[in-house]
């Protein structure tokens, strides 16, 4: 015999299908729901001995009884969130995460572009400093002031350091 097979399954299916076809399902539902409808009405009374009684039926001797309202067990049920609310929250969370990751990616790309531009500028400056050409700048009077070797070496070292940091 194979595991998971039930030899009585065809018989049970046949009984179930006959039950459904006979129209007995609505009757069964009514029979199951009837006690719930009647259980909502309760009576409370005190007998001659001073004992309190609670029952679904009024007192047997026809005495004075107070009808009491029966609340469902557990009291008021909390509002149930719509079945898709967790999906909506998850979707919002994913969208916020994607937006944040997108902003981070854009910021990272801009930072890389900025560093690449700095790298190109420092390399161009190093090429100018090591090119063997005498470098100068103009002073306030418009005269050429040539760079001394000491200053050139300092600027070459600064450019090499900046290249190591940015390239």
N, C-alpha and C. Protein backbone atom coordinates (compact mmCIF):
# COMPACT_ATOMS: atom_id res chain seq x y z
N UNK A 1 0.85 -1.18 0.00
CA UNK A 1 0.00 0.00 0.00
C UNK A 1 0.89 1.24 0.00
N UNK A 2 0.61 2.21 -0.85
CA UNK A 2 1.39 3.44 -0.93
C UNK A 2 1.08 4.32 0.27
N UNK A 3 2.10 5.06 0.70
CA UNK A 3 1.87 6.00 1.81
C UNK A 3 1.04 7.16 1.31
N UNK A 4 0.13 7.64 2.14
CA UNK A 4 -0.68 8.78 1.79
C UNK A 4 -1.96 8.42 1.08
N UNK A 5 -2.19 7.17 0.79
CA UNK A 5 -3.45 6.79 0.15
C UNK A 5 -4.40 6.27 1.21
N UNK A 6 -5.68 6.55 1.05
CA UNK A 6 -6.69 6.15 2.01
C UNK A 6 -7.67 5.23 1.29
N UNK A 7 -7.78 3.95 1.70
CA UNK A 7 -8.68 3.04 0.99
C UNK A 7 -10.15 3.41 1.14
N UNK A 8 -10.51 4.17 2.19
CA UNK A 8 -11.91 4.55 2.40
C UNK A 8 -12.27 5.87 1.73
N UNK A 9 -11.32 6.50 1.05
CA UNK A 9 -11.56 7.81 0.46
C UNK A 9 -12.71 7.79 -0.55
N UNK A 10 -12.81 6.83 -1.47
CA UNK A 10 -13.94 6.84 -2.42
C UNK A 10 -15.29 6.72 -1.70
N UNK A 11 -15.35 5.92 -0.64
CA UNK A 11 -16.59 5.78 0.10
C UNK A 11 -16.99 7.09 0.77
N UNK A 12 -16.01 7.78 1.38
CA UNK A 12 -16.30 9.05 2.04
C UNK A 12 -16.73 10.11 1.03
N UNK A 13 -16.10 10.13 -0.13
CA UNK A 13 -16.49 11.08 -1.17
C UNK A 13 -17.92 10.82 -1.63
N UNK A 14 -18.26 9.58 -1.74
CA UNK A 14 -19.61 9.22 -2.19
C UNK A 14 -20.64 9.65 -1.15
N UNK A 15 -20.38 9.44 0.13
CA UNK A 15 -21.31 9.83 1.19
C UNK A 15 -21.45 11.35 1.23
N UNK A 16 -20.32 12.05 1.13
CA UNK A 16 -20.34 13.50 1.15
C UNK A 16 -21.10 14.06 -0.04
N UNK A 17 -20.87 13.50 -1.21
CA UNK A 17 -21.57 14.02 -2.40
C UNK A 17 -23.07 13.76 -2.31
N UNK A 18 -23.49 12.62 -1.76
CA UNK A 18 -24.93 12.36 -1.59
C UNK A 18 -25.53 13.35 -0.59
N UNK A 19 -24.79 13.66 0.47
CA UNK A 19 -25.27 14.59 1.49
C UNK A 19 -25.46 15.99 0.88
N UNK A 20 -24.49 16.41 0.07
CA UNK A 20 -24.58 17.73 -0.55
C UNK A 20 -25.72 17.77 -1.56
N UNK A 21 -25.86 16.74 -2.38
CA UNK A 21 -26.90 16.70 -3.40
C UNK A 21 -28.31 16.62 -2.80
N UNK A 22 -28.43 16.08 -1.61
CA UNK A 22 -29.76 15.90 -1.02
C UNK A 22 -30.33 17.22 -0.49
N UNK A 23 -29.53 18.29 -0.46
CA UNK A 23 -30.02 19.58 0.03
C UNK A 23 -29.97 19.70 1.53
N UNK A 24 -29.23 18.86 2.20
CA UNK A 24 -29.18 18.86 3.66
C UNK A 24 -28.20 19.89 4.23
N UNK A 25 -27.39 20.48 3.41
CA UNK A 25 -26.39 21.43 3.91
C UNK A 25 -27.06 22.63 4.57
N UNK A 26 -28.08 23.27 3.94
CA UNK A 26 -28.71 24.41 4.63
C UNK A 26 -29.35 24.01 5.96
N UNK A 27 -29.92 22.82 6.02
CA UNK A 27 -30.53 22.36 7.27
C UNK A 27 -29.46 22.19 8.34
N UNK A 28 -28.33 21.63 7.96
CA UNK A 28 -27.22 21.45 8.90
C UNK A 28 -26.73 22.79 9.41
N UNK A 29 -26.63 23.76 8.54
CA UNK A 29 -26.16 25.10 8.95
C UNK A 29 -27.15 25.71 9.94
N UNK A 30 -28.44 25.57 9.65
CA UNK A 30 -29.46 26.11 10.58
C UNK A 30 -29.39 25.42 11.93
N UNK A 31 -29.18 24.11 11.93
CA UNK A 31 -29.11 23.36 13.19
C UNK A 31 -27.90 23.81 14.02
N UNK A 32 -26.81 24.09 13.35
CA UNK A 32 -25.61 24.52 14.07
C UNK A 32 -25.73 25.96 14.56
N UNK A 33 -26.45 26.80 13.83
CA UNK A 33 -26.57 28.21 14.20
C UNK A 33 -27.67 28.45 15.22
N UNK A 34 -28.65 27.57 15.33
CA UNK A 34 -29.79 27.77 16.23
C UNK A 34 -29.37 27.94 17.69
N UNK A 35 -28.52 27.11 18.24
CA UNK A 35 -28.15 27.30 19.65
C UNK A 35 -27.48 28.65 19.89
N UNK A 36 -26.77 29.15 18.90
CA UNK A 36 -26.11 30.43 19.08
C UNK A 36 -27.14 31.55 19.19
N UNK A 37 -28.20 31.47 18.41
CA UNK A 37 -29.24 32.50 18.46
C UNK A 37 -29.98 32.45 19.78
N UNK A 38 -30.29 31.26 20.28
CA UNK A 38 -31.04 31.14 21.52
C UNK A 38 -30.18 31.41 22.75
N UNK A 39 -28.92 31.22 22.65
CA UNK A 39 -28.04 31.39 23.80
C UNK A 39 -27.87 32.86 24.16
N UNK A 40 -28.37 33.77 23.36
CA UNK A 40 -28.21 35.19 23.63
C UNK A 40 -29.19 35.71 24.68
N UNK A 41 -30.21 34.95 25.03
CA UNK A 41 -31.21 35.39 26.00
C UNK A 41 -31.04 34.58 27.29
N UNK A 42 -30.80 35.29 28.40
CA UNK A 42 -30.60 34.63 29.69
C UNK A 42 -31.53 35.25 30.73
N UNK A 43 -31.83 34.45 31.76
CA UNK A 43 -32.69 34.90 32.86
C UNK A 43 -31.92 34.78 34.16
N UNK A 44 -32.22 35.70 35.07
CA UNK A 44 -31.57 35.68 36.39
C UNK A 44 -32.67 35.86 37.42
N UNK A 45 -32.67 34.98 38.44
CA UNK A 45 -33.66 35.10 39.51
C UNK A 45 -33.12 34.51 40.79
N UNK A 46 -33.78 34.90 41.89
CA UNK A 46 -33.39 34.43 43.22
C UNK A 46 -34.54 33.58 43.75
N UNK A 47 -34.21 32.37 44.20
CA UNK A 47 -35.27 31.49 44.73
C UNK A 47 -35.58 31.83 46.19
N UNK A 48 -36.51 31.07 46.78
CA UNK A 48 -36.95 31.33 48.16
C UNK A 48 -35.85 31.13 49.19
N UNK A 49 -34.81 30.37 48.84
CA UNK A 49 -33.69 30.13 49.77
C UNK A 49 -32.61 31.20 49.62
N UNK A 50 -32.79 32.14 48.69
CA UNK A 50 -31.81 33.21 48.49
C UNK A 50 -30.68 32.86 47.53
N UNK A 51 -30.84 31.76 46.78
CA UNK A 51 -29.80 31.31 45.84
C UNK A 51 -30.09 31.93 44.47
N UNK A 52 -29.08 32.51 43.89
CA UNK A 52 -29.23 33.10 42.55
C UNK A 52 -29.12 32.01 41.50
N UNK A 53 -29.98 32.10 40.49
CA UNK A 53 -29.97 31.15 39.37
C UNK A 53 -29.83 31.92 38.06
N UNK A 54 -29.06 31.34 37.16
CA UNK A 54 -28.88 31.90 35.81
C UNK A 54 -29.23 30.79 34.84
N UNK A 55 -30.12 31.09 33.89
CA UNK A 55 -30.55 30.04 32.98
C UNK A 55 -31.02 30.66 31.67
N UNK A 56 -31.06 29.79 30.63
CA UNK A 56 -31.61 30.21 29.34
C UNK A 56 -33.13 30.15 29.38
N UNK A 57 -33.70 29.49 30.37
CA UNK A 57 -35.15 29.34 30.51
C UNK A 57 -35.62 30.15 31.70
N UNK A 58 -36.87 30.69 31.65
CA UNK A 58 -37.40 31.42 32.81
C UNK A 58 -37.59 30.47 33.99
N UNK A 59 -37.81 30.99 35.18
CA UNK A 59 -37.97 30.12 36.36
C UNK A 59 -39.12 29.13 36.16
N UNK A 60 -38.97 27.90 36.66
CA UNK A 60 -39.99 26.88 36.44
C UNK A 60 -41.32 27.20 37.11
N UNK A 61 -41.29 27.92 38.21
CA UNK A 61 -42.53 28.21 38.92
C UNK A 61 -43.21 29.48 38.41
N UNK A 62 -42.65 30.09 37.36
CA UNK A 62 -43.25 31.29 36.78
C UNK A 62 -42.97 32.51 37.60
N UNK A 63 -41.99 32.43 38.50
CA UNK A 63 -41.64 33.56 39.36
C UNK A 63 -41.04 34.71 38.57
N UNK A 64 -40.78 35.77 39.32
CA UNK A 64 -40.24 36.97 38.70
C UNK A 64 -38.76 36.75 38.36
N UNK A 65 -38.42 37.00 37.08
CA UNK A 65 -37.04 36.84 36.63
C UNK A 65 -36.63 38.06 35.82
N UNK A 66 -35.37 38.36 35.89
CA UNK A 66 -34.84 39.51 35.15
C UNK A 66 -34.11 38.99 33.90
N UNK A 67 -34.44 39.57 32.75
CA UNK A 67 -33.74 39.19 31.52
C UNK A 67 -32.40 39.93 31.51
N UNK A 68 -31.35 39.21 31.18
CA UNK A 68 -30.05 39.85 31.11
C UNK A 68 -29.47 39.67 29.71
N UNK A 69 -28.72 40.64 29.30
CA UNK A 69 -28.10 40.61 27.97
C UNK A 69 -26.77 39.87 28.08
N UNK A 70 -26.57 38.93 27.20
CA UNK A 70 -25.34 38.15 27.21
C UNK A 70 -24.41 38.70 26.14
N UNK A 71 -23.22 39.08 26.56
CA UNK A 71 -22.23 39.59 25.62
C UNK A 71 -21.35 38.43 25.17
N UNK A 72 -20.85 38.49 23.97
CA UNK A 72 -19.96 37.43 23.51
C UNK A 72 -18.72 37.33 24.40
N UNK A 73 -18.20 36.15 24.51
CA UNK A 73 -17.00 35.93 25.31
C UNK A 73 -15.87 36.75 24.72
N UNK A 74 -15.14 37.43 25.59
CA UNK A 74 -14.03 38.24 25.11
C UNK A 74 -14.44 39.68 24.90
N UNK A 75 -15.71 40.02 25.06
CA UNK A 75 -16.17 41.39 24.91
C UNK A 75 -16.06 41.87 23.48
N UNK A 76 -15.85 43.16 23.35
CA UNK A 76 -15.74 43.75 22.02
C UNK A 76 -14.48 43.24 21.34
N UNK A 77 -14.64 42.90 20.11
CA UNK A 77 -13.46 42.46 19.35
C UNK A 77 -12.78 43.68 18.77
N UNK A 78 -11.46 43.67 18.79
CA UNK A 78 -10.76 44.81 18.21
C UNK A 78 -10.98 44.83 16.69
N UNK A 79 -10.88 46.01 16.16
CA UNK A 79 -11.06 46.15 14.72
C UNK A 79 -9.98 45.34 14.00
N UNK A 80 -10.39 44.58 13.06
CA UNK A 80 -9.46 43.75 12.31
C UNK A 80 -8.98 44.56 11.12
N UNK A 81 -7.66 44.68 10.95
CA UNK A 81 -7.18 45.45 9.81
C UNK A 81 -7.55 44.74 8.51
N UNK A 82 -7.69 45.48 7.46
CA UNK A 82 -8.00 44.85 6.18
C UNK A 82 -6.93 43.83 5.83
N UNK A 83 -7.30 42.77 5.14
CA UNK A 83 -6.35 41.70 4.89
C UNK A 83 -5.12 42.13 4.10
N UNK A 84 -5.22 43.21 3.34
CA UNK A 84 -4.08 43.63 2.53
C UNK A 84 -3.26 44.72 3.20
N UNK A 85 -3.59 45.11 4.45
CA UNK A 85 -2.88 46.22 5.07
C UNK A 85 -1.40 45.89 5.28
N UNK A 86 -1.08 44.67 5.62
CA UNK A 86 0.34 44.31 5.80
C UNK A 86 1.06 44.37 4.46
N UNK A 87 0.35 44.03 3.39
CA UNK A 87 0.98 44.13 2.06
C UNK A 87 1.27 45.58 1.72
N UNK A 88 0.32 46.46 2.05
CA UNK A 88 0.52 47.88 1.77
C UNK A 88 1.70 48.42 2.57
N UNK A 89 1.79 48.02 3.84
CA UNK A 89 2.90 48.48 4.67
C UNK A 89 4.23 47.95 4.14
N UNK A 90 4.23 46.70 3.73
CA UNK A 90 5.46 46.12 3.18
C UNK A 90 5.86 46.83 1.90
N UNK A 91 4.89 47.12 1.04
CA UNK A 91 5.17 47.83 -0.20
C UNK A 91 5.72 49.22 0.08
N UNK A 92 5.11 49.94 1.03
CA UNK A 92 5.60 51.27 1.39
C UNK A 92 7.03 51.19 1.92
N UNK A 93 7.28 50.19 2.75
CA UNK A 93 8.62 50.01 3.31
C UNK A 93 9.64 49.76 2.21
N UNK A 94 9.28 48.89 1.26
CA UNK A 94 10.20 48.60 0.15
C UNK A 94 10.44 49.84 -0.71
N UNK A 95 9.39 50.64 -0.93
CA UNK A 95 9.54 51.85 -1.72
C UNK A 95 10.44 52.85 -1.02
N UNK A 96 10.26 53.01 0.30
CA UNK A 96 11.11 53.93 1.05
C UNK A 96 12.56 53.46 1.03
N UNK A 97 12.75 52.15 1.16
CA UNK A 97 14.11 51.60 1.15
C UNK A 97 14.75 51.81 -0.21
N UNK A 98 13.99 51.57 -1.27
CA UNK A 98 14.52 51.77 -2.63
C UNK A 98 14.84 53.23 -2.86
N UNK A 99 13.98 54.13 -2.36
CA UNK A 99 14.22 55.56 -2.52
C UNK A 99 15.51 55.96 -1.78
N UNK A 100 15.67 55.45 -0.56
CA UNK A 100 16.87 55.76 0.22
C UNK A 100 18.12 55.20 -0.46
N UNK A 101 18.00 53.95 -0.95
CA UNK A 101 19.14 53.35 -1.64
C UNK A 101 19.46 54.11 -2.92
N UNK A 102 18.43 54.58 -3.61
CA UNK A 102 18.63 55.37 -4.82
C UNK A 102 19.35 56.67 -4.52
N UNK A 103 18.92 57.33 -3.43
CA UNK A 103 19.58 58.58 -3.03
C UNK A 103 21.03 58.32 -2.64
N UNK A 104 21.26 57.21 -1.93
CA UNK A 104 22.64 56.85 -1.56
C UNK A 104 23.47 56.56 -2.81
N UNK A 105 22.90 55.87 -3.76
CA UNK A 105 23.63 55.54 -4.99
C UNK A 105 23.96 56.80 -5.76
N UNK A 106 23.02 57.75 -5.82
CA UNK A 106 23.27 59.01 -6.53
C UNK A 106 24.38 59.79 -5.83
N UNK A 107 24.31 59.86 -4.50
CA UNK A 107 25.34 60.57 -3.74
C UNK A 107 26.71 59.92 -3.93
N UNK A 108 26.73 58.59 -3.93
CA UNK A 108 27.99 57.88 -4.12
C UNK A 108 28.55 58.14 -5.51
N UNK A 109 27.69 58.15 -6.52
CA UNK A 109 28.13 58.40 -7.90
C UNK A 109 28.68 59.82 -8.02
N UNK A 110 28.01 60.79 -7.40
CA UNK A 110 28.50 62.18 -7.45
C UNK A 110 29.86 62.30 -6.77
N UNK A 111 30.00 61.60 -5.64
CA UNK A 111 31.28 61.63 -4.93
C UNK A 111 32.39 61.02 -5.79
N UNK A 112 32.10 59.92 -6.48
CA UNK A 112 33.09 59.30 -7.36
C UNK A 112 33.47 60.23 -8.51
N UNK A 113 32.47 60.92 -9.08
CA UNK A 113 32.75 61.87 -10.16
C UNK A 113 33.60 63.03 -9.67
N UNK A 114 33.30 63.52 -8.46
CA UNK A 114 34.08 64.62 -7.88
C UNK A 114 35.53 64.20 -7.65
N UNK A 115 35.71 62.99 -7.14
CA UNK A 115 37.07 62.48 -6.91
C UNK A 115 37.82 62.28 -8.22
N UNK A 116 37.12 61.77 -9.23
CA UNK A 116 37.76 61.57 -10.53
C UNK A 116 38.20 62.91 -11.13
N UNK A 117 37.37 63.95 -10.98
CA UNK A 117 37.73 65.28 -11.49
C UNK A 117 38.95 65.83 -10.74
N UNK A 118 38.95 65.65 -9.41
CA UNK A 118 40.11 66.09 -8.63
C UNK A 118 41.36 65.33 -9.08
N UNK A 119 41.22 64.05 -9.31
CA UNK A 119 42.34 63.22 -9.74
C UNK A 119 42.93 63.76 -11.04
N UNK A 120 42.05 64.05 -12.01
CA UNK A 120 42.52 64.59 -13.30
C UNK A 120 43.26 65.92 -13.09
N UNK A 121 42.69 66.78 -12.21
CA UNK A 121 43.31 68.09 -11.98
C UNK A 121 44.68 67.94 -11.32
N UNK A 122 44.80 67.06 -10.33
CA UNK A 122 46.09 66.87 -9.66
C UNK A 122 47.11 66.24 -10.61
N UNK A 123 46.70 65.34 -11.46
CA UNK A 123 47.61 64.74 -12.43
C UNK A 123 48.09 65.78 -13.44
N UNK A 124 47.18 66.65 -13.86
CA UNK A 124 47.57 67.72 -14.80
C UNK A 124 48.57 68.66 -14.13
N UNK A 125 48.33 68.99 -12.85
CA UNK A 125 49.25 69.86 -12.12
C UNK A 125 50.62 69.19 -11.97
N UNK A 126 50.63 67.88 -11.67
CA UNK A 126 51.90 67.15 -11.55
C UNK A 126 52.64 67.14 -12.87
N UNK A 127 51.90 66.96 -13.97
CA UNK A 127 52.54 67.01 -15.30
C UNK A 127 53.17 68.37 -15.55
N UNK A 128 52.47 69.44 -15.17
CA UNK A 128 53.02 70.79 -15.36
C UNK A 128 54.28 70.99 -14.51
N UNK A 129 54.23 70.49 -13.26
CA UNK A 129 55.36 70.68 -12.35
C UNK A 129 56.59 69.88 -12.77
N UNK A 130 56.38 68.70 -13.37
CA UNK A 130 57.50 67.84 -13.72
C UNK A 130 57.87 67.95 -15.20
N UNK A 131 57.26 68.85 -15.92
CA UNK A 131 57.49 68.96 -17.36
C UNK A 131 58.80 69.62 -17.74
N UNK A 132 59.54 70.19 -16.81
CA UNK A 132 60.82 70.81 -17.12
C UNK A 132 60.70 72.25 -17.58
N UNK A 133 59.51 72.76 -17.64
CA UNK A 133 59.30 74.15 -18.05
C UNK A 133 59.33 75.01 -16.80
N UNK A 134 59.91 76.21 -16.95
CA UNK A 134 59.93 77.12 -15.79
C UNK A 134 58.53 77.68 -15.60
N UNK A 135 58.02 77.57 -14.37
CA UNK A 135 56.68 78.03 -14.06
C UNK A 135 56.75 79.39 -13.37
N UNK A 136 55.72 80.21 -13.62
CA UNK A 136 55.67 81.53 -13.01
C UNK A 136 54.22 81.91 -12.75
N UNK A 137 54.08 82.97 -11.98
CA UNK A 137 52.77 83.61 -11.79
C UNK A 137 52.99 85.11 -11.83
N UNK A 138 51.93 85.87 -12.02
CA UNK A 138 52.04 87.32 -12.10
C UNK A 138 51.78 87.93 -10.74
N UNK A 139 52.62 88.90 -10.37
CA UNK A 139 52.40 89.58 -9.09
C UNK A 139 51.42 90.73 -9.28
N UNK A 140 51.27 91.58 -8.24
CA UNK A 140 50.32 92.69 -8.28
C UNK A 140 50.66 93.72 -9.35
N UNK A 141 51.91 93.82 -9.68
CA UNK A 141 52.34 94.80 -10.67
C UNK A 141 52.27 94.23 -12.09
N UNK A 142 51.92 92.92 -12.19
CA UNK A 142 51.85 92.31 -13.50
C UNK A 142 53.18 91.74 -13.97
N UNK A 143 54.14 91.63 -13.05
CA UNK A 143 55.45 91.10 -13.40
C UNK A 143 55.47 89.60 -13.17
N UNK A 144 56.28 88.93 -13.95
CA UNK A 144 56.43 87.49 -13.79
C UNK A 144 57.31 87.19 -12.58
N UNK A 145 56.80 86.22 -11.74
CA UNK A 145 57.57 85.75 -10.61
C UNK A 145 57.73 84.25 -10.82
N UNK A 146 58.97 83.82 -11.04
CA UNK A 146 59.24 82.41 -11.35
C UNK A 146 59.29 81.59 -10.06
N UNK A 147 58.86 80.32 -10.19
CA UNK A 147 58.82 79.39 -9.07
C UNK A 147 60.23 78.88 -8.79
N UNK A 148 60.59 78.87 -7.52
CA UNK A 148 61.91 78.37 -7.15
C UNK A 148 61.85 76.85 -7.03
N UNK A 149 62.99 76.20 -7.07
CA UNK A 149 63.05 74.74 -7.01
C UNK A 149 62.47 74.18 -5.71
N UNK A 150 62.70 74.86 -4.61
CA UNK A 150 62.18 74.40 -3.32
C UNK A 150 60.64 74.37 -3.34
N UNK A 151 60.05 75.44 -3.83
CA UNK A 151 58.59 75.50 -3.91
C UNK A 151 58.06 74.45 -4.88
N UNK A 152 58.80 74.26 -6.00
CA UNK A 152 58.38 73.26 -6.99
C UNK A 152 58.33 71.87 -6.36
N UNK A 153 59.39 71.49 -5.60
CA UNK A 153 59.44 70.17 -4.96
C UNK A 153 58.31 70.00 -3.94
N UNK A 154 58.02 71.07 -3.19
CA UNK A 154 56.92 71.02 -2.22
C UNK A 154 55.58 70.78 -2.93
N UNK A 155 55.38 71.50 -4.03
CA UNK A 155 54.11 71.35 -4.77
C UNK A 155 54.03 70.00 -5.46
N UNK A 156 55.18 69.45 -5.89
CA UNK A 156 55.17 68.11 -6.49
C UNK A 156 54.76 67.08 -5.44
N UNK A 157 55.31 67.19 -4.23
CA UNK A 157 54.96 66.27 -3.15
C UNK A 157 53.48 66.40 -2.78
N UNK A 158 52.99 67.63 -2.71
CA UNK A 158 51.56 67.84 -2.40
C UNK A 158 50.67 67.22 -3.48
N UNK A 159 51.05 67.36 -4.74
CA UNK A 159 50.26 66.80 -5.85
C UNK A 159 50.28 65.27 -5.79
N UNK A 160 51.44 64.69 -5.51
CA UNK A 160 51.53 63.22 -5.40
C UNK A 160 50.66 62.71 -4.25
N UNK A 161 50.67 63.41 -3.13
CA UNK A 161 49.85 63.02 -1.99
C UNK A 161 48.35 63.11 -2.36
N UNK A 162 47.96 64.16 -3.01
CA UNK A 162 46.55 64.33 -3.41
C UNK A 162 46.16 63.25 -4.42
N UNK A 163 47.06 62.87 -5.30
CA UNK A 163 46.77 61.80 -6.26
C UNK A 163 46.56 60.48 -5.53
N UNK A 164 47.41 60.20 -4.53
CA UNK A 164 47.23 58.96 -3.76
C UNK A 164 45.88 58.93 -3.04
N UNK A 165 45.42 60.06 -2.55
CA UNK A 165 44.17 60.12 -1.81
C UNK A 165 42.94 60.10 -2.72
N UNK A 166 43.06 60.60 -3.93
CA UNK A 166 41.87 60.77 -4.78
C UNK A 166 41.81 59.85 -6.00
N UNK A 167 42.90 59.19 -6.30
CA UNK A 167 42.89 58.35 -7.51
C UNK A 167 42.88 56.87 -7.17
